[in-house]
Amino acid sequence: LREHLFILRDRDATQHLFRVSSGLDSLVLGEAQILSQVKEVYKVGQKANGFGRNLNGLFKQAITAGK
């Protein structure tokens, strides 16, 4: 499984989140299921320690951009 994982940080992670949320990294442009998955990560993340104000705002903006 490790060979299929990757880690992004800072600007690269932010850029990836926005590309995924907007469907730009999807095989089908604007695929609604991808945005639903991002929303679910946001919902779960809010309950996790370390998901502070910055990540909260970032995810809100990414979800808005994906609409």
N, C-alpha and C. Protein backbone atom coordinates (compact mmCIF):
# COMPACT_ATOMS: atom_id res chain seq x y z
N LEU A 1 0.82 -1.19 0.00
CA LEU A 1 0.00 0.00 0.00
C LEU A 1 0.87 1.26 0.00
N ARG A 2 2.00 1.22 0.69
CA ARG A 2 2.85 2.42 0.80
C ARG A 2 3.29 2.98 -0.54
N GLU A 3 3.49 2.12 -1.50
CA GLU A 3 3.96 2.60 -2.80
C GLU A 3 2.92 3.46 -3.52
N HIS A 4 1.67 3.40 -3.07
CA HIS A 4 0.59 4.16 -3.69
C HIS A 4 0.22 5.43 -2.91
N LEU A 5 0.90 5.68 -1.81
CA LEU A 5 0.63 6.85 -0.98
C LEU A 5 1.62 7.97 -1.28
N PHE A 6 1.22 9.18 -1.02
CA PHE A 6 2.13 10.31 -1.15
C PHE A 6 1.77 11.35 -0.10
N ILE A 7 2.75 12.17 0.23
CA ILE A 7 2.56 13.21 1.24
C ILE A 7 2.81 14.56 0.59
N LEU A 8 1.88 15.47 0.82
CA LEU A 8 2.04 16.84 0.35
C LEU A 8 2.00 17.77 1.55
N ARG A 9 2.73 18.85 1.46
CA ARG A 9 2.78 19.81 2.56
C ARG A 9 2.58 21.23 2.03
N ASP A 10 2.15 22.09 2.93
CA ASP A 10 2.06 23.52 2.67
C ASP A 10 1.28 23.83 1.39
N ARG A 11 1.90 24.60 0.50
CA ARG A 11 1.22 25.04 -0.71
C ARG A 11 0.79 23.87 -1.60
N ASP A 12 1.62 22.84 -1.67
CA ASP A 12 1.28 21.68 -2.49
C ASP A 12 0.03 20.98 -1.96
N ALA A 13 -0.10 20.87 -0.65
CA ALA A 13 -1.27 20.23 -0.05
C ALA A 13 -2.52 21.08 -0.29
N THR A 14 -2.37 22.39 -0.14
CA THR A 14 -3.50 23.30 -0.37
C THR A 14 -3.96 23.23 -1.82
N GLN A 15 -3.02 23.27 -2.73
CA GLN A 15 -3.33 23.20 -4.15
C GLN A 15 -4.04 21.88 -4.49
N HIS A 16 -3.56 20.79 -3.91
CA HIS A 16 -4.18 19.48 -4.15
C HIS A 16 -5.62 19.45 -3.64
N LEU A 17 -5.84 19.97 -2.44
CA LEU A 17 -7.18 19.99 -1.87
C LEU A 17 -8.15 20.76 -2.78
N PHE A 18 -7.73 21.90 -3.29
CA PHE A 18 -8.60 22.69 -4.15
C PHE A 18 -8.82 22.02 -5.50
N ARG A 19 -7.80 21.36 -6.03
CA ARG A 19 -7.96 20.64 -7.31
C ARG A 19 -8.92 19.47 -7.16
N VAL A 20 -8.80 18.76 -6.05
CA VAL A 20 -9.68 17.62 -5.80
C VAL A 20 -11.11 18.12 -5.57
N SER A 21 -11.27 19.14 -4.73
CA SER A 21 -12.61 19.67 -4.42
C SER A 21 -13.34 20.17 -5.65
N SER A 22 -12.60 20.78 -6.53
CA SER A 22 -13.22 21.34 -7.74
C SER A 22 -13.41 20.30 -8.84
N GLY A 23 -12.89 19.10 -8.62
CA GLY A 23 -13.05 18.03 -9.61
C GLY A 23 -12.01 18.06 -10.70
N LEU A 24 -11.00 18.90 -10.60
CA LEU A 24 -9.98 18.99 -11.65
C LEU A 24 -9.08 17.76 -11.70
N ASP A 25 -8.97 17.02 -10.60
CA ASP A 25 -8.16 15.80 -10.58
C ASP A 25 -9.01 14.56 -10.82
N SER A 26 -10.24 14.74 -11.21
CA SER A 26 -11.17 13.63 -11.42
C SER A 26 -11.18 13.22 -12.89
N LEU A 27 -11.47 11.96 -13.13
CA LEU A 27 -11.60 11.50 -14.51
C LEU A 27 -12.81 12.12 -15.19
N VAL A 28 -13.84 12.43 -14.40
CA VAL A 28 -15.04 13.08 -14.91
C VAL A 28 -15.09 14.47 -14.27
N LEU A 29 -14.90 15.51 -15.06
CA LEU A 29 -14.85 16.88 -14.54
C LEU A 29 -16.14 17.23 -13.80
N GLY A 30 -15.99 17.73 -12.58
CA GLY A 30 -17.14 18.14 -11.79
C GLY A 30 -17.89 17.00 -11.13
N GLU A 31 -17.25 15.86 -11.00
CA GLU A 31 -17.91 14.69 -10.40
C GLU A 31 -18.32 15.00 -8.96
N ALA A 32 -19.60 14.88 -8.67
CA ALA A 32 -20.15 15.27 -7.36
C ALA A 32 -19.68 14.38 -6.22
N GLN A 33 -19.37 13.14 -6.50
CA GLN A 33 -18.97 12.21 -5.44
C GLN A 33 -17.66 12.65 -4.79
N ILE A 34 -16.77 13.22 -5.55
CA ILE A 34 -15.49 13.68 -5.00
C ILE A 34 -15.72 14.78 -3.97
N LEU A 35 -16.55 15.75 -4.29
CA LEU A 35 -16.85 16.83 -3.34
C LEU A 35 -17.52 16.27 -2.09
N SER A 36 -18.36 15.28 -2.24
CA SER A 36 -18.99 14.63 -1.09
C SER A 36 -17.95 13.99 -0.18
N GLN A 37 -16.93 13.40 -0.78
CA GLN A 37 -15.85 12.79 0.01
C GLN A 37 -15.05 13.86 0.75
N VAL A 38 -14.80 14.97 0.11
CA VAL A 38 -14.08 16.08 0.77
C VAL A 38 -14.92 16.60 1.94
N LYS A 39 -16.23 16.72 1.75
CA LYS A 39 -17.12 17.16 2.83
C LYS A 39 -17.09 16.19 4.00
N GLU A 40 -17.01 14.90 3.71
CA GLU A 40 -16.96 13.89 4.77
C GLU A 40 -15.64 13.97 5.54
N VAL A 41 -14.55 14.19 4.84
CA VAL A 41 -13.25 14.37 5.50
C VAL A 41 -13.30 15.59 6.41
N TYR A 42 -13.91 16.66 5.94
CA TYR A 42 -14.06 17.88 6.74
C TYR A 42 -14.86 17.59 8.01
N LYS A 43 -15.95 16.88 7.85
CA LYS A 43 -16.81 16.55 9.00
C LYS A 43 -16.07 15.70 10.03
N VAL A 44 -15.35 14.69 9.57
CA VAL A 44 -14.59 13.82 10.47
C VAL A 44 -13.43 14.59 11.09
N GLY A 45 -12.76 15.41 10.28
CA GLY A 45 -11.61 16.18 10.74
C GLY A 45 -11.94 17.15 11.85
N GLN A 46 -13.13 17.70 11.83
CA GLN A 46 -13.53 18.65 12.87
C GLN A 46 -13.54 18.01 14.26
N LYS A 47 -13.70 16.72 14.31
CA LYS A 47 -13.73 16.01 15.59
C LYS A 47 -12.33 15.60 16.05
N ALA A 48 -11.34 15.75 15.17
CA ALA A 48 -9.98 15.30 15.48
C ALA A 48 -9.16 16.43 16.12
N ASN A 49 -8.28 16.05 17.02
CA ASN A 49 -7.35 17.02 17.59
C ASN A 49 -6.42 17.52 16.49
N GLY A 50 -6.13 18.78 16.49
CA GLY A 50 -5.21 19.34 15.51
C GLY A 50 -5.90 19.91 14.27
N PHE A 51 -7.20 19.72 14.15
CA PHE A 51 -7.94 20.29 13.02
C PHE A 51 -8.41 21.67 13.45
N GLY A 52 -7.49 22.59 13.47
CA GLY A 52 -7.75 23.91 14.03
C GLY A 52 -8.42 24.87 13.07
N ARG A 53 -8.35 26.13 13.44
CA ARG A 53 -9.01 27.20 12.69
C ARG A 53 -8.51 27.28 11.25
N ASN A 54 -7.20 27.09 11.05
CA ASN A 54 -6.65 27.19 9.70
C ASN A 54 -7.19 26.10 8.78
N LEU A 55 -7.16 24.86 9.24
CA LEU A 55 -7.68 23.77 8.41
C LEU A 55 -9.19 23.89 8.22
N ASN A 56 -9.87 24.33 9.25
CA ASN A 56 -11.31 24.52 9.16
C ASN A 56 -11.64 25.52 8.04
N GLY A 57 -10.97 26.65 8.05
CA GLY A 57 -11.19 27.67 7.02
C GLY A 57 -10.79 27.19 5.64
N LEU A 58 -9.68 26.48 5.57
CA LEU A 58 -9.20 25.96 4.28
C LEU A 58 -10.22 25.01 3.66
N PHE A 59 -10.74 24.10 4.46
CA PHE A 59 -11.72 23.15 3.95
C PHE A 59 -13.02 23.84 3.54
N LYS A 60 -13.45 24.83 4.32
CA LYS A 60 -14.66 25.57 3.97
C LYS A 60 -14.49 26.25 2.61
N GLN A 61 -13.33 26.86 2.39
CA GLN A 61 -13.07 27.53 1.11
C GLN A 61 -13.00 26.53 -0.03
N ALA A 62 -12.36 25.39 0.21
CA ALA A 62 -12.25 24.36 -0.83
C ALA A 62 -13.62 23.81 -1.21
N ILE A 63 -14.47 23.59 -0.23
CA ILE A 63 -15.82 23.07 -0.50
C ILE A 63 -16.63 24.11 -1.27
N THR A 64 -16.51 25.37 -0.89
CA THR A 64 -17.21 26.44 -1.61
C THR A 64 -16.71 26.51 -3.05
N ALA A 65 -15.43 26.40 -3.26
CA ALA A 65 -14.85 26.44 -4.60
C ALA A 65 -15.33 25.25 -5.43
N GLY A 66 -15.58 24.13 -4.78
CA GLY A 66 -16.02 22.94 -5.49
C GLY A 66 -17.47 22.96 -5.92
N LYS A 67 -18.24 23.90 -5.37
CA LYS A 67 -19.68 23.95 -5.71
C LYS A 67 -19.90 24.55 -7.03
